[in-house]
């Protein structure tokens, strides 16, 4: 009787070991399966941000370490932009509202980076962004600072003079999603749909 009990215990142990190995393989497979984004491209593995120094809309110096500890969505543009910027910021405001129910650690911060420092003063950034969402943040910098950062991140920015002596700014309309480790985790490209954007950000930040 004792030998039978020993055999039974041994059999249970073998089954437990095999089951544990199977579960470990399943978990590893799930972790290795890339996320399927609806509107963007996952950067796998995530790419470390280049070092940068800019200023926020309150005149405080910011750098890559400012983005540590939470998810961030970066959008490059300028306040005089006639179409892409206001349309995208309005959509991001709706996305922000759609994600309001997420835990604080999973809620991304939305940061508008002006690539037109000549016209976009700190005061102008504040009034412009408050029109869309009071929680939106604004960064800018000197032309040299912005040029270094945008080139390192791969963000196209082209300033073109116009016949009347003014200028226009052609820029990327993509969104750059930064993880809490200050790494580029995904690039989301237009055209944007609010529901798809919110779904992708939920997937990324969980």
Protein backbone atom coordinates (compact mmCIF):
# COMPACT_ATOMS: atom_id res chain seq x y z
CA UNK A 1 0.00 0.00 0.00
CA UNK A 2 2.82 2.37 0.88
CA UNK A 3 4.58 1.64 -2.43
CA UNK A 4 1.38 2.46 -4.32
CA UNK A 5 1.10 5.77 -2.49
CA UNK A 6 4.71 6.58 -3.32
CA UNK A 7 4.10 5.79 -6.99
CA UNK A 8 1.00 7.98 -6.95
CA UNK A 9 2.87 10.89 -5.38
CA UNK A 10 5.70 10.47 -7.88
CA UNK A 11 3.20 10.46 -10.77
CA UNK A 12 1.58 13.66 -9.48
CA UNK A 13 4.99 15.33 -9.24
CA UNK A 14 5.85 14.36 -12.82
CA UNK A 15 2.52 15.71 -14.08
CA UNK A 16 3.04 18.96 -12.14
CA UNK A 17 6.51 19.43 -13.62
CA UNK A 18 5.26 18.77 -17.16
CA UNK A 19 2.30 21.10 -16.67
CA UNK A 20 4.56 23.81 -15.27
CA UNK A 21 6.84 23.56 -18.28
CA UNK A 22 3.89 23.78 -20.65
CA UNK A 23 2.51 26.86 -18.91
CA UNK A 24 5.94 28.51 -19.00
CA UNK A 25 6.13 27.95 -22.75
CA UNK A 26 2.65 29.39 -23.24
CA UNK A 27 3.49 32.50 -21.20
CA UNK A 28 6.78 32.98 -23.06
CA UNK A 29 4.96 32.69 -26.38
CA UNK A 30 2.37 35.26 -25.34
CA UNK A 31 5.08 37.68 -24.21
CA UNK A 32 6.97 37.26 -27.47
CA UNK A 33 3.92 37.75 -29.67
CA UNK A 34 4.10 41.31 -31.06
CA UNK A 35 1.20 43.64 -30.44
CA UNK A 36 -1.07 44.21 -33.41
CA UNK A 37 -1.66 47.95 -33.71
CA UNK A 38 -4.47 49.28 -35.86
CA UNK A 39 -2.90 52.61 -36.78
CA UNK A 40 0.82 52.39 -36.20
CA UNK A 41 4.08 50.53 -36.24
CA UNK A 42 5.45 48.84 -33.15
CA UNK A 43 9.16 49.46 -32.56
CA UNK A 44 10.55 46.11 -31.41
CA UNK A 45 12.73 46.26 -29.49
CA UNK A 46 11.97 49.81 -28.33
CA UNK A 47 14.61 52.38 -29.29
CA UNK A 48 16.25 54.60 -26.69
CA UNK A 49 15.48 58.28 -27.12
CA UNK A 50 18.33 60.54 -28.20
CA UNK A 51 19.51 62.99 -25.57
CA UNK A 52 17.80 66.36 -25.93
CA UNK A 53 17.28 69.64 -24.13
CA UNK A 54 14.16 71.73 -24.78
CA UNK A 55 11.93 74.11 -22.80
CA UNK A 56 8.36 73.58 -21.69
CA UNK A 57 5.63 76.19 -22.06
CA UNK A 58 6.43 77.49 -18.59
CA UNK A 59 10.05 78.19 -19.46
CA UNK A 60 11.47 75.21 -17.59
CA UNK A 61 14.22 73.07 -19.10
CA UNK A 62 13.16 69.55 -20.13
CA UNK A 63 15.08 66.54 -21.38
CA UNK A 64 14.60 62.84 -22.04
CA UNK A 65 14.53 62.23 -18.27
CA UNK A 66 11.39 64.40 -18.08
CA UNK A 67 9.58 61.57 -19.87
CA UNK A 68 10.69 58.89 -17.40
CA UNK A 69 8.10 56.97 -15.42
CA UNK A 70 5.05 57.29 -17.64
CA UNK A 71 3.85 56.89 -21.21
CA UNK A 72 4.04 59.90 -23.50
CA UNK A 73 2.64 60.75 -26.93
CA UNK A 74 4.71 63.32 -28.84
CA UNK A 75 3.24 65.34 -31.71
CA UNK A 76 5.35 67.84 -33.66
CA UNK A 77 3.76 70.92 -35.19
CA UNK A 78 3.24 74.66 -34.78
CA UNK A 79 0.43 76.94 -33.67
CA UNK A 80 0.06 78.66 -37.08
CA UNK A 81 -0.55 75.30 -38.76
CA UNK A 82 -3.78 75.69 -40.77
CA UNK A 83 -5.10 72.14 -40.78
CA UNK A 84 -3.12 69.09 -39.62
CA UNK A 85 -2.21 70.38 -36.15
CA UNK A 86 -5.61 71.62 -34.98
CA UNK A 87 -7.34 68.56 -36.42
CA UNK A 88 -4.91 66.15 -34.75
CA UNK A 89 -4.96 67.97 -31.41
CA UNK A 90 -8.77 67.90 -31.40
CA UNK A 91 -8.65 64.15 -32.00
CA UNK A 92 -6.05 63.66 -29.27
CA UNK A 93 -8.29 65.53 -26.87
CA UNK A 94 -11.03 63.00 -27.59
CA UNK A 95 -8.53 60.16 -27.13
CA UNK A 96 -7.46 61.66 -23.81
CA UNK A 97 -11.08 61.63 -22.65
CA UNK A 98 -11.56 58.06 -23.87
CA UNK A 99 -8.59 56.91 -21.77
CA UNK A 100 -9.69 58.73 -18.61
CA UNK A 101 -10.83 55.48 -17.00
CA UNK A 102 -7.40 53.85 -17.18
CA UNK A 103 -5.22 53.57 -14.07
CA UNK A 104 -3.01 56.63 -13.63
CA UNK A 105 0.12 54.62 -14.53
CA UNK A 106 -1.41 53.67 -17.90
CA UNK A 107 -2.66 57.10 -18.91
CA UNK A 108 -0.26 58.71 -21.40
CA UNK A 109 0.66 62.37 -21.32
CA UNK A 110 0.23 64.27 -24.58
CA UNK A 111 3.04 66.63 -25.54
CA UNK A 112 2.92 69.09 -28.45
CA UNK A 113 6.42 70.07 -29.62
CA UNK A 114 6.48 73.29 -31.61
CA UNK A 115 9.01 73.36 -34.42
CA UNK A 116 8.37 77.08 -34.99
CA UNK A 117 10.16 78.73 -32.04
CA UNK A 118 10.31 82.11 -33.77
CA UNK A 119 6.53 82.56 -33.53
CA UNK A 120 5.54 80.09 -30.81
CA UNK A 121 6.37 81.75 -27.53
CA UNK A 122 5.63 80.08 -24.20
CA UNK A 123 2.52 82.24 -23.73
CA UNK A 124 1.24 81.37 -27.19
CA UNK A 125 1.74 77.66 -26.58
CA UNK A 126 -0.22 77.85 -23.33
CA UNK A 127 -3.21 79.64 -24.86
CA UNK A 128 -3.16 77.44 -27.96
CA UNK A 129 -3.09 74.12 -26.12
CA UNK A 130 -5.66 75.15 -23.52
CA UNK A 131 -8.11 75.58 -26.37
CA UNK A 132 -7.86 71.84 -27.04
CA UNK A 133 -7.12 70.28 -23.65
CA UNK A 134 -5.95 71.85 -20.40
CA UNK A 135 -3.78 68.79 -19.68
CA UNK A 136 -1.77 68.99 -22.89
CA UNK A 137 1.85 70.02 -22.48
CA UNK A 138 3.91 72.12 -24.88
CA UNK A 139 7.64 71.99 -25.56
CA UNK A 140 9.83 74.05 -27.86
CA UNK A 141 13.46 75.15 -28.03
CA UNK A 142 16.03 77.02 -30.01
CA UNK A 143 16.29 76.18 -33.71
CA UNK A 144 19.52 74.29 -32.99
CA UNK A 145 17.97 72.28 -30.15
CA UNK A 146 14.94 71.37 -32.22
CA UNK A 147 17.04 70.51 -35.25
CA UNK A 148 19.21 68.14 -33.21
CA UNK A 149 16.23 66.41 -31.62
CA UNK A 150 14.05 66.06 -34.72
CA UNK A 151 16.90 64.74 -36.85
CA UNK A 152 17.93 62.21 -34.20
CA UNK A 153 14.33 61.01 -33.87
CA UNK A 154 13.75 60.96 -37.62
CA UNK A 155 11.12 63.71 -37.70
CA UNK A 156 11.12 65.66 -40.99
CA UNK A 157 10.82 69.43 -40.61
CA UNK A 158 11.20 71.80 -43.58
CA UNK A 159 10.90 75.59 -43.29
CA UNK A 160 10.09 77.28 -46.58
CA UNK A 161 10.02 81.00 -47.29
CA UNK A 162 7.00 82.43 -49.09
CA UNK A 163 6.77 85.24 -51.63
CA UNK A 164 5.37 87.70 -49.08
CA UNK A 165 8.42 87.30 -46.83
CA UNK A 166 6.77 84.94 -44.37
CA UNK A 167 7.37 81.20 -44.14
CA UNK A 168 5.60 77.87 -43.79
CA UNK A 169 6.66 74.82 -41.81
CA UNK A 170 6.25 71.36 -43.30
CA UNK A 171 6.45 68.71 -40.59
CA UNK A 172 5.67 65.12 -39.73
CA UNK A 173 2.06 64.38 -38.85
CA UNK A 174 2.97 61.14 -37.05
CA UNK A 175 2.63 60.47 -33.34
CA UNK A 176 5.63 59.14 -31.43
CA UNK A 177 4.78 56.94 -28.45
CA UNK A 178 7.42 56.90 -25.70
CA UNK A 179 7.38 54.27 -22.95
CA UNK A 180 8.22 54.95 -19.27
CA UNK A 181 11.82 53.83 -19.91
CA UNK A 182 12.31 56.80 -22.29
CA UNK A 183 12.24 54.57 -25.37
CA UNK A 184 10.41 54.97 -28.65
CA UNK A 185 7.82 52.18 -28.50
CA UNK A 186 5.63 52.94 -31.54
CA UNK A 187 5.03 55.39 -34.35
CA UNK A 188 1.39 56.02 -35.23
CA UNK A 189 0.64 57.45 -38.65
CA UNK A 190 -2.36 59.30 -40.10
CA UNK A 191 -5.15 59.23 -41.07
CA UNK A 192 -6.34 59.02 -37.48
CA UNK A 193 -9.54 57.63 -36.03
CA UNK A 194 -10.25 58.41 -32.39
CA UNK A 195 -11.45 54.90 -31.48
CA UNK A 196 -8.49 53.21 -33.16
CA UNK A 197 -6.01 55.59 -31.51
CA UNK A 198 -7.51 54.99 -28.09
CA UNK A 199 -7.48 51.23 -28.67
CA UNK A 200 -3.82 51.23 -29.71
CA UNK A 201 -2.77 53.33 -26.72
CA UNK A 202 -4.68 51.04 -24.34
CA UNK A 203 -2.87 48.08 -25.85
CA UNK A 204 0.55 49.73 -25.62
CA UNK A 205 0.26 51.08 -22.09
CA UNK A 206 -1.03 47.89 -20.45
